[in-house]
Amino acid sequence: RGTVTWELMFTRPRLEIAPERQGQILDRVADLLDAGVLVSTQTQAFSWRDMAEAHRRVETGHTIGKIVLAVD
């Protein structure tokens, strides 16, 4: 039996932010990422087909940053 955990960022429903404002915020975040002011904590990306390997990495307890599963 496994556990699936996820994190949602910049989500509108909980914050009740108007869609137009949400777009402005995401545009600003994109600008900050492009400028290098904000950096992603992603350390490695896996295809969903390699989910078992991604899980092994997380289970080591030595992962720093985010492991990303790409659904392609």
PDB file of N, CA and C in Angstrom:
ATOM      1  N   ARG A   1       0.847  -1.174   0.000  1.00  0.00           N
ATOM      2  CA  ARG A   1       0.000   0.000   0.000  1.00  0.00           C
ATOM      3  C   ARG A   1       0.886   1.227   0.000  1.00  0.00           C
ATOM      4  N   GLY A   2       0.614   2.162  -0.884  1.00  0.00           N
ATOM      5  CA  GLY A   2       1.433   3.354  -1.001  1.00  0.00           C
ATOM      6  C   GLY A   2       0.692   4.609  -0.611  1.00  0.00           C
ATOM      7  N   THR A   3       1.428   5.674  -0.592  1.00  0.00           N
ATOM      8  CA  THR A   3       0.878   6.979  -0.276  1.00  0.00           C
ATOM      9  C   THR A   3       1.237   7.940  -1.400  1.00  0.00           C
ATOM     10  N   VAL A   4       0.302   8.732  -1.804  1.00  0.00           N
ATOM     11  CA  VAL A   4       0.566   9.767  -2.796  1.00  0.00           C
ATOM     12  C   VAL A   4       0.432  11.106  -2.100  1.00  0.00           C
ATOM     13  N   THR A   5       1.460  11.913  -2.225  1.00  0.00           N
ATOM     14  CA  THR A   5       1.453  13.239  -1.628  1.00  0.00           C
ATOM     15  C   THR A   5       1.721  14.254  -2.728  1.00  0.00           C
ATOM     16  N   TRP A   6       1.014  15.358  -2.708  1.00  0.00           N
ATOM     17  CA  TRP A   6       1.266  16.408  -3.689  1.00  0.00           C
ATOM     18  C   TRP A   6       1.102  17.757  -3.022  1.00  0.00           C
ATOM     19  N   GLU A   7       1.614  18.731  -3.713  1.00  0.00           N
ATOM     20  CA  GLU A   7       1.565  20.096  -3.204  1.00  0.00           C
ATOM     21  C   GLU A   7       1.080  20.986  -4.329  1.00  0.00           C
ATOM     22  N   LEU A   8       0.115  21.807  -4.053  1.00  0.00           N
ATOM     23  CA  LEU A   8      -0.388  22.750  -5.039  1.00  0.00           C
ATOM     24  C   LEU A   8       0.079  24.142  -4.654  1.00  0.00           C
ATOM     25  N   MET A   9       0.590  24.852  -5.629  1.00  0.00           N
ATOM     26  CA  MET A   9       1.065  26.205  -5.359  1.00  0.00           C
ATOM     27  C   MET A   9       0.290  27.183  -6.225  1.00  0.00           C
ATOM     28  N   PHE A  10       0.101  28.359  -5.699  1.00  0.00           N
ATOM     29  CA  PHE A  10      -0.567  29.434  -6.429  1.00  0.00           C
ATOM     30  C   PHE A  10      -1.985  29.030  -6.827  1.00  0.00           C
ATOM     31  N   THR A  11      -2.678  28.331  -5.956  1.00  0.00           N
ATOM     32  CA  THR A  11      -4.021  27.874  -6.287  1.00  0.00           C
ATOM     33  C   THR A  11      -5.066  28.911  -5.907  1.00  0.00           C
ATOM     34  N   ARG A  12      -5.963  29.148  -6.821  1.00  0.00           N
ATOM     35  CA  ARG A  12      -6.993  30.163  -6.650  1.00  0.00           C
ATOM     36  C   ARG A  12      -8.097  29.762  -5.679  1.00  0.00           C
ATOM     37  N   PRO A  13      -8.620  28.540  -5.713  1.00  0.00           N
ATOM     38  CA  PRO A  13      -9.801  28.234  -4.892  1.00  0.00           C
ATOM     39  C   PRO A  13      -9.644  28.530  -3.404  1.00  0.00           C
ATOM     40  N   ARG A  14      -8.533  28.183  -2.808  1.00  0.00           N
ATOM     41  CA  ARG A  14      -8.371  28.408  -1.374  1.00  0.00           C
ATOM     42  C   ARG A  14      -8.155  29.882  -1.053  1.00  0.00           C
ATOM     43  N   LEU A  15      -7.538  30.590  -1.968  1.00  0.00           N
ATOM     44  CA  LEU A  15      -7.192  31.984  -1.703  1.00  0.00           C
ATOM     45  C   LEU A  15      -8.258  32.958  -2.179  1.00  0.00           C
ATOM     46  N   GLU A  16      -9.191  32.478  -2.980  1.00  0.00           N
ATOM     47  CA  GLU A  16     -10.268  33.307  -3.512  1.00  0.00           C
ATOM     48  C   GLU A  16      -9.747  34.558  -4.219  1.00  0.00           C
ATOM     49  N   ILE A  17      -8.754  34.352  -5.061  1.00  0.00           N
ATOM     50  CA  ILE A  17      -8.179  35.451  -5.839  1.00  0.00           C
ATOM     51  C   ILE A  17      -8.871  35.488  -7.202  1.00  0.00           C
ATOM     52  N   ALA A  18      -9.227  36.673  -7.655  1.00  0.00           N
ATOM     53  CA  ALA A  18      -9.877  36.833  -8.958  1.00  0.00           C
ATOM     54  C   ALA A  18      -8.966  36.288 -10.056  1.00  0.00           C
ATOM     55  N   PRO A  19      -9.539  35.664 -11.086  1.00  0.00           N
ATOM     56  CA  PRO A  19      -8.722  35.085 -12.160  1.00  0.00           C
ATOM     57  C   PRO A  19      -7.749  36.076 -12.792  1.00  0.00           C
ATOM     58  N   GLU A  20      -8.174  37.326 -12.971  1.00  0.00           N
ATOM     59  CA  GLU A  20      -7.292  38.330 -13.566  1.00  0.00           C
ATOM     60  C   GLU A  20      -6.075  38.569 -12.671  1.00  0.00           C
ATOM     61  N   ARG A  21      -6.323  38.656 -11.384  1.00  0.00           N
ATOM     62  CA  ARG A  21      -5.232  38.876 -10.423  1.00  0.00           C
ATOM     63  C   ARG A  21      -4.315  37.655 -10.380  1.00  0.00           C
ATOM     64  N   GLN A  22      -4.902  36.466 -10.455  1.00  0.00           N
ATOM     65  CA  GLN A  22      -4.104  35.235 -10.476  1.00  0.00           C
ATOM     66  C   GLN A  22      -3.142  35.260 -11.663  1.00  0.00           C
ATOM     67  N   GLY A  23      -3.643  35.689 -12.826  1.00  0.00           N
ATOM     68  CA  GLY A  23      -2.792  35.794 -14.007  1.00  0.00           C
ATOM     69  C   GLY A  23      -1.658  36.780 -13.810  1.00  0.00           C
ATOM     70  N   GLN A  24      -1.954  37.919 -13.181  1.00  0.00           N
ATOM     71  CA  GLN A  24      -0.914  38.913 -12.903  1.00  0.00           C
ATOM     72  C   GLN A  24       0.154  38.343 -11.973  1.00  0.00           C
ATOM     73  N   ILE A  25      -0.282  37.626 -10.962  1.00  0.00           N
ATOM     74  CA  ILE A  25       0.662  37.030 -10.006  1.00  0.00           C
ATOM     75  C   ILE A  25       1.554  36.012 -10.714  1.00  0.00           C
ATOM     76  N   LEU A  26       0.954  35.152 -11.531  1.00  0.00           N
ATOM     77  CA  LEU A  26       1.742  34.140 -12.233  1.00  0.00           C
ATOM     78  C   LEU A  26       2.702  34.767 -13.235  1.00  0.00           C
ATOM     79  N   ASP A  27       2.279  35.856 -13.900  1.00  0.00           N
ATOM     80  CA  ASP A  27       3.184  36.574 -14.802  1.00  0.00           C
ATOM     81  C   ASP A  27       4.382  37.121 -14.035  1.00  0.00           C
ATOM     82  N   ARG A  28       4.128  37.671 -12.870  1.00  0.00           N
ATOM     83  CA  ARG A  28       5.205  38.227 -12.034  1.00  0.00           C
ATOM     84  C   ARG A  28       6.152  37.123 -11.568  1.00  0.00           C
ATOM     85  N   VAL A  29       5.593  35.996 -11.151  1.00  0.00           N
ATOM     86  CA  VAL A  29       6.428  34.864 -10.733  1.00  0.00           C
ATOM     87  C   VAL A  29       7.291  34.392 -11.905  1.00  0.00           C
ATOM     88  N   ALA A  30       6.708  34.306 -13.100  1.00  0.00           N
ATOM     89  CA  ALA A  30       7.469  33.897 -14.283  1.00  0.00           C
ATOM     90  C   ALA A  30       8.612  34.869 -14.551  1.00  0.00           C
ATOM     91  N   ASP A  31       8.348  36.174 -14.428  1.00  0.00           N
ATOM     92  CA  ASP A  31       9.400  37.182 -14.619  1.00  0.00           C
ATOM     93  C   ASP A  31      10.523  36.997 -13.600  1.00  0.00           C
ATOM     94  N   LEU A  32      10.160  36.743 -12.344  1.00  0.00           N
ATOM     95  CA  LEU A  32      11.165  36.550 -11.296  1.00  0.00           C
ATOM     96  C   LEU A  32      11.974  35.277 -11.524  1.00  0.00           C
ATOM     97  N   LEU A  33      11.334  34.231 -12.012  1.00  0.00           N
ATOM     98  CA  LEU A  33      12.059  33.002 -12.348  1.00  0.00           C
ATOM     99  C   LEU A  33      13.027  33.250 -13.496  1.00  0.00           C
ATOM    100  N   ASP A  34      12.551  33.935 -14.538  1.00  0.00           N
ATOM    101  CA  ASP A  34      13.403  34.238 -15.689  1.00  0.00           C
ATOM    102  C   ASP A  34      14.602  35.091 -15.300  1.00  0.00           C
ATOM    103  N   ALA A  35      14.409  35.996 -14.342  1.00  0.00           N
ATOM    104  CA  ALA A  35      15.485  36.891 -13.906  1.00  0.00           C
ATOM    105  C   ALA A  35      16.433  36.217 -12.915  1.00  0.00           C
ATOM    106  N   GLY A  36      16.081  35.019 -12.458  1.00  0.00           N
ATOM    107  CA  GLY A  36      16.933  34.328 -11.500  1.00  0.00           C
ATOM    108  C   GLY A  36      16.738  34.773 -10.063  1.00  0.00           C
ATOM    109  N   VAL A  37      15.752  35.632  -9.827  1.00  0.00           N
ATOM    110  CA  VAL A  37      15.457  36.088  -8.467  1.00  0.00           C
ATOM    111  C   VAL A  37      14.844  34.942  -7.668  1.00  0.00           C
ATOM    112  N   LEU A  38      13.941  34.202  -8.298  1.00  0.00           N
ATOM    113  CA  LEU A  38      13.382  32.988  -7.704  1.00  0.00           C
ATOM    114  C   LEU A  38      14.021  31.795  -8.397  1.00  0.00           C
ATOM    115  N   VAL A  39      14.292  30.759  -7.641  1.00  0.00           N
ATOM    116  CA  VAL A  39      14.837  29.539  -8.230  1.00  0.00           C
ATOM    117  C   VAL A  39      13.985  28.347  -7.813  1.00  0.00           C
ATOM    118  N   SER A  40      13.864  27.417  -8.716  1.00  0.00           N
ATOM    119  CA  SER A  40      13.098  26.209  -8.442  1.00  0.00           C
ATOM    120  C   SER A  40      13.873  25.312  -7.489  1.00  0.00           C
ATOM    121  N   THR A  41      13.152  24.601  -6.648  1.00  0.00           N
ATOM    122  CA  THR A  41      13.797  23.628  -5.775  1.00  0.00           C
ATOM    123  C   THR A  41      13.762  22.244  -6.409  1.00  0.00           C
ATOM    124  N   GLN A  42      13.402  22.185  -7.689  1.00  0.00           N
ATOM    125  CA  GLN A  42      13.404  20.900  -8.392  1.00  0.00           C
ATOM    126  C   GLN A  42      14.835  20.424  -8.525  1.00  0.00           C
ATOM    127  N   THR A  43      15.094  19.200  -8.125  1.00  0.00           N
ATOM    128  CA  THR A  43      16.431  18.645  -8.268  1.00  0.00           C
ATOM    129  C   THR A  43      16.492  17.605  -9.368  1.00  0.00           C
ATOM    130  N   GLN A  44      15.379  16.955  -9.646  1.00  0.00           N
ATOM    131  CA  GLN A  44      15.363  15.952 -10.699  1.00  0.00           C
ATOM    132  C   GLN A  44      13.944  15.732 -11.181  1.00  0.00           C
ATOM    133  N   ALA A  45      13.818  15.470 -12.474  1.00  0.00           N
ATOM    134  CA  ALA A  45      12.512  15.173 -13.059  1.00  0.00           C
ATOM    135  C   ALA A  45      12.529  13.753 -13.613  1.00  0.00           C
ATOM    136  N   PHE A  46      11.443  13.037 -13.390  1.00  0.00           N
ATOM    137  CA  PHE A  46      11.283  11.680 -13.889  1.00  0.00           C
ATOM    138  C   PHE A  46      10.020  11.613 -14.721  1.00  0.00           C
ATOM    139  N   SER A  47      10.038  10.751 -15.728  1.00  0.00           N
ATOM    140  CA  SER A  47       8.804  10.417 -16.422  1.00  0.00           C
ATOM    141  C   SER A  47       7.947   9.613 -15.461  1.00  0.00           C
ATOM    142  N   TRP A  48       6.647   9.666 -15.625  1.00  0.00           N
ATOM    143  CA  TRP A  48       5.769   8.875 -14.763  1.00  0.00           C
ATOM    144  C   TRP A  48       6.079   7.398 -14.903  1.00  0.00           C
ATOM    145  N   ARG A  49       6.677   7.014 -16.029  1.00  0.00           N
ATOM    146  CA  ARG A  49       7.053   5.610 -16.230  1.00  0.00           C
ATOM    147  C   ARG A  49       8.165   5.188 -15.272  1.00  0.00           C
ATOM    148  N   ASP A  50       8.918   6.150 -14.769  1.00  0.00           N
ATOM    149  CA  ASP A  50      10.008   5.878 -13.827  1.00  0.00           C
ATOM    150  C   ASP A  50       9.605   6.218 -12.395  1.00  0.00           C
ATOM    151  N   MET A  51       8.320   6.132 -12.123  1.00  0.00           N
ATOM    152  CA  MET A  51       7.790   6.486 -10.812  1.00  0.00           C
ATOM    153  C   MET A  51       8.444   5.684  -9.690  1.00  0.00           C
ATOM    154  N   ALA A  52       8.728   4.407  -9.924  1.00  0.00           N
ATOM    155  CA  ALA A  52       9.335   3.569  -8.882  1.00  0.00           C
ATOM    156  C   ALA A  52      10.711   4.108  -8.499  1.00  0.00           C
ATOM    157  N   GLU A  53      11.501   4.513  -9.483  1.00  0.00           N
ATOM    158  CA  GLU A  53      12.826   5.073  -9.184  1.00  0.00           C
ATOM    159  C   GLU A  53      12.698   6.402  -8.446  1.00  0.00           C
ATOM    160  N   ALA A  54      11.762   7.233  -8.859  1.00  0.00           N
ATOM    161  CA  ALA A  54      11.540   8.501  -8.161  1.00  0.00           C
ATOM    162  C   ALA A  54      11.166   8.239  -6.709  1.00  0.00           C
ATOM    163  N   HIS A  55      10.321   7.259  -6.492  1.00  0.00           N
ATOM    164  CA  HIS A  55       9.905   6.919  -5.130  1.00  0.00           C
ATOM    165  C   HIS A  55      11.096   6.426  -4.310  1.00  0.00           C
ATOM    166  N   ARG A  56      11.946   5.609  -4.916  1.00  0.00           N
ATOM    167  CA  ARG A  56      13.148   5.133  -4.199  1.00  0.00           C
ATOM    168  C   ARG A  56      14.011   6.311  -3.760  1.00  0.00           C
ATOM    169  N   ARG A  57      14.155   7.297  -4.647  1.00  0.00           N
ATOM    170  CA  ARG A  57      14.966   8.474  -4.301  1.00  0.00           C
ATOM    171  C   ARG A  57      14.385   9.207  -3.103  1.00  0.00           C
ATOM    172  N   VAL A  58      13.084   9.407  -3.109  1.00  0.00           N
ATOM    173  CA  VAL A  58      12.431  10.113  -2.000  1.00  0.00           C
ATOM    174  C   VAL A  58      12.572   9.319  -0.709  1.00  0.00           C
ATOM    175  N   GLU A  59      12.407   8.008  -0.789  1.00  0.00           N
ATOM    176  CA  GLU A  59      12.443   7.157   0.397  1.00  0.00           C
ATOM    177  C   GLU A  59      13.825   7.084   1.045  1.00  0.00           C
ATOM    178  N   THR A  60      14.885   7.466   0.323  1.00  0.00           N
ATOM    179  CA  THR A  60      16.218   7.443   0.938  1.00  0.00           C
ATOM    180  C   THR A  60      16.320   8.442   2.075  1.00  0.00           C
ATOM    181  N   GLY A  61      15.477   9.479   2.033  1.00  0.00           N
ATOM    182  CA  GLY A  61      15.535  10.507   3.065  1.00  0.00           C
ATOM    183  C   GLY A  61      16.661  11.502   2.856  1.00  0.00           C
ATOM    184  N   HIS A  62      17.368  11.388   1.741  1.00  0.00           N
ATOM    185  CA  HIS A  62      18.499  12.277   1.468  1.00  0.00           C
ATOM    186  C   HIS A  62      18.218  13.253   0.331  1.00  0.00           C
ATOM    187  N   THR A  63      16.979  13.304  -0.110  1.00  0.00           N
ATOM    188  CA  THR A  63      16.626  14.180  -1.219  1.00  0.00           C
ATOM    189  C   THR A  63      16.481  15.613  -0.725  1.00  0.00           C
ATOM    190  N   ILE A  64      17.131  16.515  -1.427  1.00  0.00           N
ATOM    191  CA  ILE A  64      16.986  17.941  -1.139  1.00  0.00           C
ATOM    192  C   ILE A  64      16.288  18.553  -2.343  1.00  0.00           C
ATOM    193  N   GLY A  65      15.245  19.311  -2.114  1.00  0.00           N
ATOM    194  CA  GLY A  65      14.504  19.905  -3.216  1.00  0.00           C
ATOM    195  C   GLY A  65      13.340  19.030  -3.622  1.00  0.00           C
ATOM    196  N   LYS A  66      12.847  19.275  -4.800  1.00  0.00           N
ATOM    197  CA  LYS A  66      11.645  18.591  -5.277  1.00  0.00           C
ATOM    198  C   LYS A  66      11.994  17.556  -6.339  1.00  0.00           C
ATOM    199  N   ILE A  67      11.346  16.419  -6.256  1.00  0.00           N
ATOM    200  CA  ILE A  67      11.390  15.407  -7.304  1.00  0.00           C
ATOM    201  C   ILE A  67      10.094  15.573  -8.093  1.00  0.00           C
ATOM    202  N   VAL A  68      10.217  15.701  -9.396  1.00  0.00           N
ATOM    203  CA  VAL A  68       9.066  15.988 -10.246  1.00  0.00           C
ATOM    204  C   VAL A  68       8.737  14.774 -11.101  1.00  0.00           C
ATOM    205  N   LEU A  69       7.453  14.429 -11.155  1.00  0.00           N
ATOM    206  CA  LEU A  69       6.978  13.404 -12.078  1.00  0.00           C
ATOM    207  C   LEU A  69       6.301  14.109 -13.243  1.00  0.00           C
ATOM    208  N   ALA A  70       6.794  13.858 -14.440  1.00  0.00           N
ATOM    209  CA  ALA A  70       6.219  14.461 -15.636  1.00  0.00           C
ATOM    210  C   ALA A  70       5.253  13.472 -16.266  1.00  0.00           C
ATOM    211  N   VAL A  71       4.033  13.901 -16.467  1.00  0.00           N
ATOM    212  CA  VAL A  71       3.035  13.070 -17.126  1.00  0.00           C
ATOM    213  C   VAL A  71       3.071  13.433 -18.599  1.00  0.00           C
ATOM    214  N   ASP A  72       3.599  12.512 -19.391  1.00  0.00           N
ATOM    215  CA  ASP A  72       3.746  12.797 -20.822  1.00  0.00           C
ATOM    216  C   ASP A  72       2.934  11.867 -21.673  1.00  0.00           C
TER     217      ASP A  72
END
